[in-house]
């Protein structure tokens, strides 16, 4: 059986893990967190992420501003927390897909196409939250390796390495750069530009990425 691509699953959790292990979240803190996230999700859906401020979220959640800011320093951190469960589900589902596709003998370049198809759809759905997170620089230089970009890049790079191992692409390509270049097309600012300014549909973006993957095989 072919080896599965090595990927790193991230967990964007409000509970931090220290050197002594994972510490439990107090019941009242957990309750406040749920109130905050539910209020933010409701307000964002009603008025748009950019039109809601932190004070309004605290008021809607029925918590003090201090409680809100102790947990989330800014709206970007709150947006990242809202994406927590969705991101984990997305990663878990894709890892399951990779196992099934590998068991069926599907090529690693075709698995890469599947990954891009899914990532385009995920970015389309979550782009309002992603815009706020990127605006705050949480995905930028110095971001911790638990950020989504790191997991996405590691997934792409692992699939490319496996494609080299199985002879699907040449072994003299700069995989590190190619992985970053492919992923750059789905950074939220570029993605939003393609969607809103250029008017590209998500299907056109997905097909364009497939064309680039096909060029790798041709090379």
C-alpha atoms as a PDB file:
ATOM      1  CA  UNK A   1       0.000   0.000   0.000  1.00  0.00           C
ATOM      2  CA  UNK A   2       1.276   3.501  -0.794  1.00  0.00           C
ATOM      3  CA  UNK A   3       2.380   5.630   2.121  1.00  0.00           C
ATOM      4  CA  UNK A   4      -0.105   8.261   3.233  1.00  0.00           C
ATOM      5  CA  UNK A   5       0.970  11.897   2.855  1.00  0.00           C
ATOM      6  CA  UNK A   6       2.328  13.272   6.082  1.00  0.00           C
ATOM      7  CA  UNK A   7       0.187  16.165   7.294  1.00  0.00           C
ATOM      8  CA  UNK A   8       0.077  18.106  10.519  1.00  0.00           C
ATOM      9  CA  UNK A   9      -3.335  18.585  12.069  1.00  0.00           C
ATOM     10  CA  UNK A  10      -3.728  21.902  13.844  1.00  0.00           C
ATOM     11  CA  UNK A  11      -6.052  22.613  16.711  1.00  0.00           C
ATOM     12  CA  UNK A  12      -7.026  26.239  17.122  1.00  0.00           C
ATOM     13  CA  UNK A  13      -8.207  25.991  20.691  1.00  0.00           C
ATOM     14  CA  UNK A  14      -8.861  28.664  23.312  1.00  0.00           C
ATOM     15  CA  UNK A  15      -7.242  26.346  25.840  1.00  0.00           C
ATOM     16  CA  UNK A  16      -3.482  26.716  25.650  1.00  0.00           C
ATOM     17  CA  UNK A  17      -1.206  23.727  26.189  1.00  0.00           C
ATOM     18  CA  UNK A  18       1.781  24.365  28.448  1.00  0.00           C
ATOM     19  CA  UNK A  19       4.820  22.257  29.187  1.00  0.00           C
ATOM     20  CA  UNK A  20       3.024  20.485  32.004  1.00  0.00           C
ATOM     21  CA  UNK A  21       0.168  19.346  29.760  1.00  0.00           C
ATOM     22  CA  UNK A  22      -3.300  20.621  29.060  1.00  0.00           C
ATOM     23  CA  UNK A  23      -5.024  22.650  31.750  1.00  0.00           C
ATOM     24  CA  UNK A  24      -8.768  22.516  32.186  1.00  0.00           C
ATOM     25  CA  UNK A  25     -10.977  25.468  31.374  1.00  0.00           C
ATOM     26  CA  UNK A  26     -13.090  26.722  34.284  1.00  0.00           C
ATOM     27  CA  UNK A  27     -16.830  26.164  33.880  1.00  0.00           C
ATOM     28  CA  UNK A  28     -17.662  29.878  34.091  1.00  0.00           C
ATOM     29  CA  UNK A  29     -14.951  30.734  31.552  1.00  0.00           C
ATOM     30  CA  UNK A  30     -16.254  28.056  29.195  1.00  0.00           C
ATOM     31  CA  UNK A  31     -19.793  29.401  29.543  1.00  0.00           C
ATOM     32  CA  UNK A  32     -18.629  32.940  28.798  1.00  0.00           C
ATOM     33  CA  UNK A  33     -16.672  31.718  25.786  1.00  0.00           C
ATOM     34  CA  UNK A  34     -19.760  30.079  24.335  1.00  0.00           C
ATOM     35  CA  UNK A  35     -21.847  33.197  24.934  1.00  0.00           C
ATOM     36  CA  UNK A  36     -19.240  35.345  23.200  1.00  0.00           C
ATOM     37  CA  UNK A  37     -18.857  33.047  20.203  1.00  0.00           C
ATOM     38  CA  UNK A  38     -22.603  32.651  19.762  1.00  0.00           C
ATOM     39  CA  UNK A  39     -23.169  36.401  19.973  1.00  0.00           C
ATOM     40  CA  UNK A  40     -20.353  37.123  17.516  1.00  0.00           C
ATOM     41  CA  UNK A  41     -21.570  34.509  15.048  1.00  0.00           C
ATOM     42  CA  UNK A  42     -25.104  35.938  15.179  1.00  0.00           C
ATOM     43  CA  UNK A  43     -24.014  39.567  14.762  1.00  0.00           C
ATOM     44  CA  UNK A  44     -21.562  38.730  11.974  1.00  0.00           C
ATOM     45  CA  UNK A  45     -24.296  36.851  10.087  1.00  0.00           C
ATOM     46  CA  UNK A  46     -26.766  39.715  10.515  1.00  0.00           C
ATOM     47  CA  UNK A  47     -24.525  42.696   9.757  1.00  0.00           C
ATOM     48  CA  UNK A  48     -21.224  41.456   8.374  1.00  0.00           C
ATOM     49  CA  UNK A  49     -17.912  41.030  10.187  1.00  0.00           C
ATOM     50  CA  UNK A  50     -16.617  44.473   9.267  1.00  0.00           C
ATOM     51  CA  UNK A  51     -19.710  46.223  10.685  1.00  0.00           C
ATOM     52  CA  UNK A  52     -19.559  44.778  14.210  1.00  0.00           C
ATOM     53  CA  UNK A  53     -17.314  46.066  16.998  1.00  0.00           C
ATOM     54  CA  UNK A  54     -16.093  44.283  20.105  1.00  0.00           C
ATOM     55  CA  UNK A  55     -18.237  46.394  22.444  1.00  0.00           C
ATOM     56  CA  UNK A  56     -21.367  45.273  20.608  1.00  0.00           C
ATOM     57  CA  UNK A  57     -20.314  41.640  20.894  1.00  0.00           C
ATOM     58  CA  UNK A  58     -19.761  41.996  24.651  1.00  0.00           C
ATOM     59  CA  UNK A  59     -23.174  43.623  25.077  1.00  0.00           C
ATOM     60  CA  UNK A  60     -24.936  40.979  22.987  1.00  0.00           C
ATOM     61  CA  UNK A  61     -23.190  38.204  24.926  1.00  0.00           C
ATOM     62  CA  UNK A  62     -24.068  39.765  28.276  1.00  0.00           C
ATOM     63  CA  UNK A  63     -20.450  39.875  29.444  1.00  0.00           C
ATOM     64  CA  UNK A  64     -18.199  42.749  30.437  1.00  0.00           C
ATOM     65  CA  UNK A  65     -15.713  44.228  28.006  1.00  0.00           C
ATOM     66  CA  UNK A  66     -12.900  43.129  30.297  1.00  0.00           C
ATOM     67  CA  UNK A  67     -14.093  39.525  30.120  1.00  0.00           C
ATOM     68  CA  UNK A  68     -14.195  39.707  26.351  1.00  0.00           C
ATOM     69  CA  UNK A  69     -10.765  41.298  25.943  1.00  0.00           C
ATOM     70  CA  UNK A  70      -9.094  38.950  28.422  1.00  0.00           C
ATOM     71  CA  UNK A  71     -10.045  36.079  26.156  1.00  0.00           C
ATOM     72  CA  UNK A  72      -9.794  37.762  22.750  1.00  0.00           C
ATOM     73  CA  UNK A  73      -7.459  40.722  22.380  1.00  0.00           C
ATOM     74  CA  UNK A  74      -9.159  41.851  19.180  1.00  0.00           C
ATOM     75  CA  UNK A  75     -11.834  40.922  16.678  1.00  0.00           C
ATOM     76  CA  UNK A  76      -9.348  38.959  14.576  1.00  0.00           C
ATOM     77  CA  UNK A  77      -8.641  36.550  17.451  1.00  0.00           C
ATOM     78  CA  UNK A  78     -12.379  36.157  17.919  1.00  0.00           C
ATOM     79  CA  UNK A  79     -12.797  35.357  14.207  1.00  0.00           C
ATOM     80  CA  UNK A  80     -10.039  32.779  14.465  1.00  0.00           C
ATOM     81  CA  UNK A  81     -11.804  31.157  17.411  1.00  0.00           C
ATOM     82  CA  UNK A  82     -15.050  31.014  15.441  1.00  0.00           C
ATOM     83  CA  UNK A  83     -13.239  29.081  12.736  1.00  0.00           C
ATOM     84  CA  UNK A  84     -11.893  26.582  15.273  1.00  0.00           C
ATOM     85  CA  UNK A  85     -14.409  23.764  14.922  1.00  0.00           C
ATOM     86  CA  UNK A  86     -14.910  24.339  11.193  1.00  0.00           C
ATOM     87  CA  UNK A  87     -11.172  24.220  10.556  1.00  0.00           C
ATOM     88  CA  UNK A  88     -10.724  21.061  12.618  1.00  0.00           C
ATOM     89  CA  UNK A  89     -13.604  19.359  10.823  1.00  0.00           C
ATOM     90  CA  UNK A  90     -12.168  20.432   7.473  1.00  0.00           C
ATOM     91  CA  UNK A  91      -8.769  18.963   8.309  1.00  0.00           C
ATOM     92  CA  UNK A  92     -10.166  15.731   9.725  1.00  0.00           C
ATOM     93  CA  UNK A  93     -12.377  15.223   6.688  1.00  0.00           C
ATOM     94  CA  UNK A  94      -9.502  15.784   4.274  1.00  0.00           C
ATOM     95  CA  UNK A  95      -7.207  13.393   6.130  1.00  0.00           C
ATOM     96  CA  UNK A  96      -9.926  10.765   5.848  1.00  0.00           C
ATOM     97  CA  UNK A  97     -10.257  11.549   2.147  1.00  0.00           C
ATOM     98  CA  UNK A  98      -6.507  11.106   1.625  1.00  0.00           C
ATOM     99  CA  UNK A  99      -6.571   7.687   3.291  1.00  0.00           C
ATOM    100  CA  UNK A 100      -9.467   6.506   1.144  1.00  0.00           C
ATOM    101  CA  UNK A 101      -7.983   7.910  -2.063  1.00  0.00           C
ATOM    102  CA  UNK A 102      -4.598   6.327  -1.337  1.00  0.00           C
ATOM    103  CA  UNK A 103      -6.223   2.961  -0.610  1.00  0.00           C
ATOM    104  CA  UNK A 104      -7.957   3.204  -4.003  1.00  0.00           C
ATOM    105  CA  UNK A 105      -4.650   3.939  -5.740  1.00  0.00           C
ATOM    106  CA  UNK A 106      -5.570   7.506  -6.717  1.00  0.00           C
ATOM    107  CA  UNK A 107      -2.483   9.461  -7.785  1.00  0.00           C
ATOM    108  CA  UNK A 108      -1.016  12.030  -5.426  1.00  0.00           C
ATOM    109  CA  UNK A 109      -1.417  14.800  -7.993  1.00  0.00           C
ATOM    110  CA  UNK A 110      -5.123  13.979  -8.216  1.00  0.00           C
ATOM    111  CA  UNK A 111      -5.255  14.078  -4.412  1.00  0.00           C
ATOM    112  CA  UNK A 112      -3.647  17.519  -4.630  1.00  0.00           C
ATOM    113  CA  UNK A 113      -6.416  18.563  -7.032  1.00  0.00           C
ATOM    114  CA  UNK A 114      -8.978  17.325  -4.510  1.00  0.00           C
ATOM    115  CA  UNK A 115      -7.281  19.323  -1.765  1.00  0.00           C
ATOM    116  CA  UNK A 116      -7.403  22.514  -3.827  1.00  0.00           C
ATOM    117  CA  UNK A 117     -11.051  21.961  -4.753  1.00  0.00           C
ATOM    118  CA  UNK A 118     -11.944  21.654  -1.083  1.00  0.00           C
ATOM    119  CA  UNK A 119      -9.745  24.568  -0.021  1.00  0.00           C
ATOM    120  CA  UNK A 120     -11.324  26.883  -2.586  1.00  0.00           C
ATOM    121  CA  UNK A 121     -14.790  26.052  -1.250  1.00  0.00           C
ATOM    122  CA  UNK A 122     -13.635  26.504   2.362  1.00  0.00           C
ATOM    123  CA  UNK A 123     -12.031  29.861   1.576  1.00  0.00           C
ATOM    124  CA  UNK A 124     -15.164  31.052  -0.203  1.00  0.00           C
ATOM    125  CA  UNK A 125     -17.345  30.265   2.806  1.00  0.00           C
ATOM    126  CA  UNK A 126     -14.974  31.658   5.445  1.00  0.00           C
ATOM    127  CA  UNK A 127     -13.444  34.589   3.577  1.00  0.00           C
ATOM    128  CA  UNK A 128     -15.150  37.298   5.742  1.00  0.00           C
ATOM    129  CA  UNK A 129     -13.529  35.824   8.867  1.00  0.00           C
ATOM    130  CA  UNK A 130     -10.244  35.193   7.068  1.00  0.00           C
ATOM    131  CA  UNK A 131     -10.083  38.814   5.877  1.00  0.00           C
ATOM    132  CA  UNK A 132     -10.319  40.077   9.455  1.00  0.00           C
ATOM    133  CA  UNK A 133      -7.678  37.607  10.656  1.00  0.00           C
ATOM    134  CA  UNK A 134      -5.257  38.459   7.857  1.00  0.00           C
ATOM    135  CA  UNK A 135      -5.821  42.195   8.313  1.00  0.00           C
ATOM    136  CA  UNK A 136      -4.579  41.821  11.887  1.00  0.00           C
ATOM    137  CA  UNK A 137      -1.467  39.983  10.682  1.00  0.00           C
ATOM    138  CA  UNK A 138      -2.246  36.704  12.431  1.00  0.00           C
ATOM    139  CA  UNK A 139      -1.295  34.786   9.270  1.00  0.00           C
ATOM    140  CA  UNK A 140       1.730  36.922   8.516  1.00  0.00           C
ATOM    141  CA  UNK A 141       5.430  36.824   9.324  1.00  0.00           C
ATOM    142  CA  UNK A 142       6.106  35.414  12.761  1.00  0.00           C
ATOM    143  CA  UNK A 143       2.766  33.617  12.973  1.00  0.00           C
ATOM    144  CA  UNK A 144       2.965  30.407  15.018  1.00  0.00           C
ATOM    145  CA  UNK A 145       3.039  27.107  13.106  1.00  0.00           C
ATOM    146  CA  UNK A 146      -0.489  26.286  14.280  1.00  0.00           C
ATOM    147  CA  UNK A 147      -1.921  28.788  11.813  1.00  0.00           C
ATOM    148  CA  UNK A 148      -3.959  27.409   8.888  1.00  0.00           C
ATOM    149  CA  UNK A 149      -1.366  28.453   6.292  1.00  0.00           C
ATOM    150  CA  UNK A 150       1.211  26.156   7.884  1.00  0.00           C
ATOM    151  CA  UNK A 151      -1.072  23.126   7.827  1.00  0.00           C
ATOM    152  CA  UNK A 152      -2.150  23.843   4.252  1.00  0.00           C
ATOM    153  CA  UNK A 153       1.436  24.253   3.073  1.00  0.00           C
ATOM    154  CA  UNK A 154       2.556  21.057   4.836  1.00  0.00           C
ATOM    155  CA  UNK A 155      -0.291  19.154   3.164  1.00  0.00           C
ATOM    156  CA  UNK A 156       0.617  20.449  -0.307  1.00  0.00           C
ATOM    157  CA  UNK A 157       4.315  19.776   0.238  1.00  0.00           C
ATOM    158  CA  UNK A 158       3.674  16.232   1.491  1.00  0.00           C
ATOM    159  CA  UNK A 159       1.547  15.407  -1.560  1.00  0.00           C
ATOM    160  CA  UNK A 160       4.196  16.845  -3.894  1.00  0.00           C
ATOM    161  CA  UNK A 161       6.922  14.784  -2.201  1.00  0.00           C
ATOM    162  CA  UNK A 162       4.846  11.647  -2.610  1.00  0.00           C
ATOM    163  CA  UNK A 163       4.228  12.536  -6.265  1.00  0.00           C
ATOM    164  CA  UNK A 164       8.005  12.685  -6.765  1.00  0.00           C
ATOM    165  CA  UNK A 165       8.466   9.357  -4.991  1.00  0.00           C
ATOM    166  CA  UNK A 166       5.909   7.654  -7.245  1.00  0.00           C
ATOM    167  CA  UNK A 167       7.296   9.220 -10.424  1.00  0.00           C
ATOM    168  CA  UNK A 168       4.315  11.495 -11.124  1.00  0.00           C
ATOM    169  CA  UNK A 169       6.538  14.575 -11.316  1.00  0.00           C
ATOM    170  CA  UNK A 170      10.252  15.157 -11.871  1.00  0.00           C
ATOM    171  CA  UNK A 171      12.595  14.899  -8.892  1.00  0.00           C
ATOM    172  CA  UNK A 172      14.531  18.096  -9.685  1.00  0.00           C
ATOM    173  CA  UNK A 173      11.722  20.590  -8.996  1.00  0.00           C
ATOM    174  CA  UNK A 174      11.871  23.170  -6.195  1.00  0.00           C
ATOM    175  CA  UNK A 175       8.989  21.728  -4.204  1.00  0.00           C
ATOM    176  CA  UNK A 176       9.293  24.204  -1.346  1.00  0.00           C
ATOM    177  CA  UNK A 177       8.814  27.164  -3.652  1.00  0.00           C
ATOM    178  CA  UNK A 178       6.164  25.468  -5.783  1.00  0.00           C
ATOM    179  CA  UNK A 179       4.114  24.635  -2.687  1.00  0.00           C
ATOM    180  CA  UNK A 180       4.205  28.246  -1.516  1.00  0.00           C
ATOM    181  CA  UNK A 181       3.460  29.573  -5.005  1.00  0.00           C
ATOM    182  CA  UNK A 182       0.407  27.343  -5.393  1.00  0.00           C
ATOM    183  CA  UNK A 183      -0.908  28.235  -1.956  1.00  0.00           C
ATOM    184  CA  UNK A 184      -0.340  31.960  -2.564  1.00  0.00           C
ATOM    185  CA  UNK A 185      -3.168  31.936  -5.102  1.00  0.00           C
ATOM    186  CA  UNK A 186      -5.575  31.130  -2.263  1.00  0.00           C
ATOM    187  CA  UNK A 187      -4.420  33.711   0.261  1.00  0.00           C
ATOM    188  CA  UNK A 188      -7.568  35.545   1.194  1.00  0.00           C
ATOM    189  CA  UNK A 189      -6.594  38.936  -0.263  1.00  0.00           C
ATOM    190  CA  UNK A 190      -5.699  37.364  -3.611  1.00  0.00           C
ATOM    191  CA  UNK A 191      -8.776  35.150  -3.490  1.00  0.00           C
ATOM    192  CA  UNK A 192     -11.106  38.080  -2.800  1.00  0.00           C
ATOM    193  CA  UNK A 193      -9.503  40.058  -5.617  1.00  0.00           C
ATOM    194  CA  UNK A 194     -10.082  37.171  -8.014  1.00  0.00           C
ATOM    195  CA  UNK A 195     -13.703  36.803  -6.896  1.00  0.00           C
ATOM    196  CA  UNK A 196     -14.803  40.443  -6.589  1.00  0.00           C
ATOM    197  CA  UNK A 197     -12.568  42.404  -8.980  1.00  0.00           C
ATOM    198  CA  UNK A 198     -11.739  39.850 -11.646  1.00  0.00           C
ATOM    199  CA  UNK A 199     -15.104  38.139 -11.347  1.00  0.00           C
ATOM    200  CA  UNK A 200     -13.687  34.610 -11.395  1.00  0.00           C
ATOM    201  CA  UNK A 201     -16.079  31.923 -10.231  1.00  0.00           C
ATOM    202  CA  UNK A 202     -14.935  29.358  -7.698  1.00  0.00           C
ATOM    203  CA  UNK A 203     -15.151  26.726 -10.458  1.00  0.00           C
ATOM    204  CA  UNK A 204     -12.800  28.785 -12.640  1.00  0.00           C
ATOM    205  CA  UNK A 205     -10.300  29.087  -9.786  1.00  0.00           C
ATOM    206  CA  UNK A 206     -10.479  25.352  -9.126  1.00  0.00           C
ATOM    207  CA  UNK A 207      -9.983  24.565 -12.819  1.00  0.00           C
ATOM    208  CA  UNK A 208      -7.041  26.967 -13.018  1.00  0.00           C
ATOM    209  CA  UNK A 209      -5.335  25.244 -10.110  1.00  0.00           C
ATOM    210  CA  UNK A 210      -5.893  21.896 -11.823  1.00  0.00           C
ATOM    211  CA  UNK A 211      -4.223  23.312 -14.925  1.00  0.00           C
ATOM    212  CA  UNK A 212      -1.161  24.305 -12.856  1.00  0.00           C
ATOM    213  CA  UNK A 213      -0.964  20.856 -11.276  1.00  0.00           C
ATOM    214  CA  UNK A 214      -1.186  19.313 -14.741  1.00  0.00           C
ATOM    215  CA  UNK A 215       1.746  21.466 -15.868  1.00  0.00           C
ATOM    216  CA  UNK A 216       3.804  19.987 -13.026  1.00  0.00           C
ATOM    217  CA  UNK A 217       3.186  16.533 -14.420  1.00  0.00           C
ATOM    218  CA  UNK A 218       4.089  17.687 -17.916  1.00  0.00           C
ATOM    219  CA  UNK A 219       7.362  19.106 -16.642  1.00  0.00           C
END
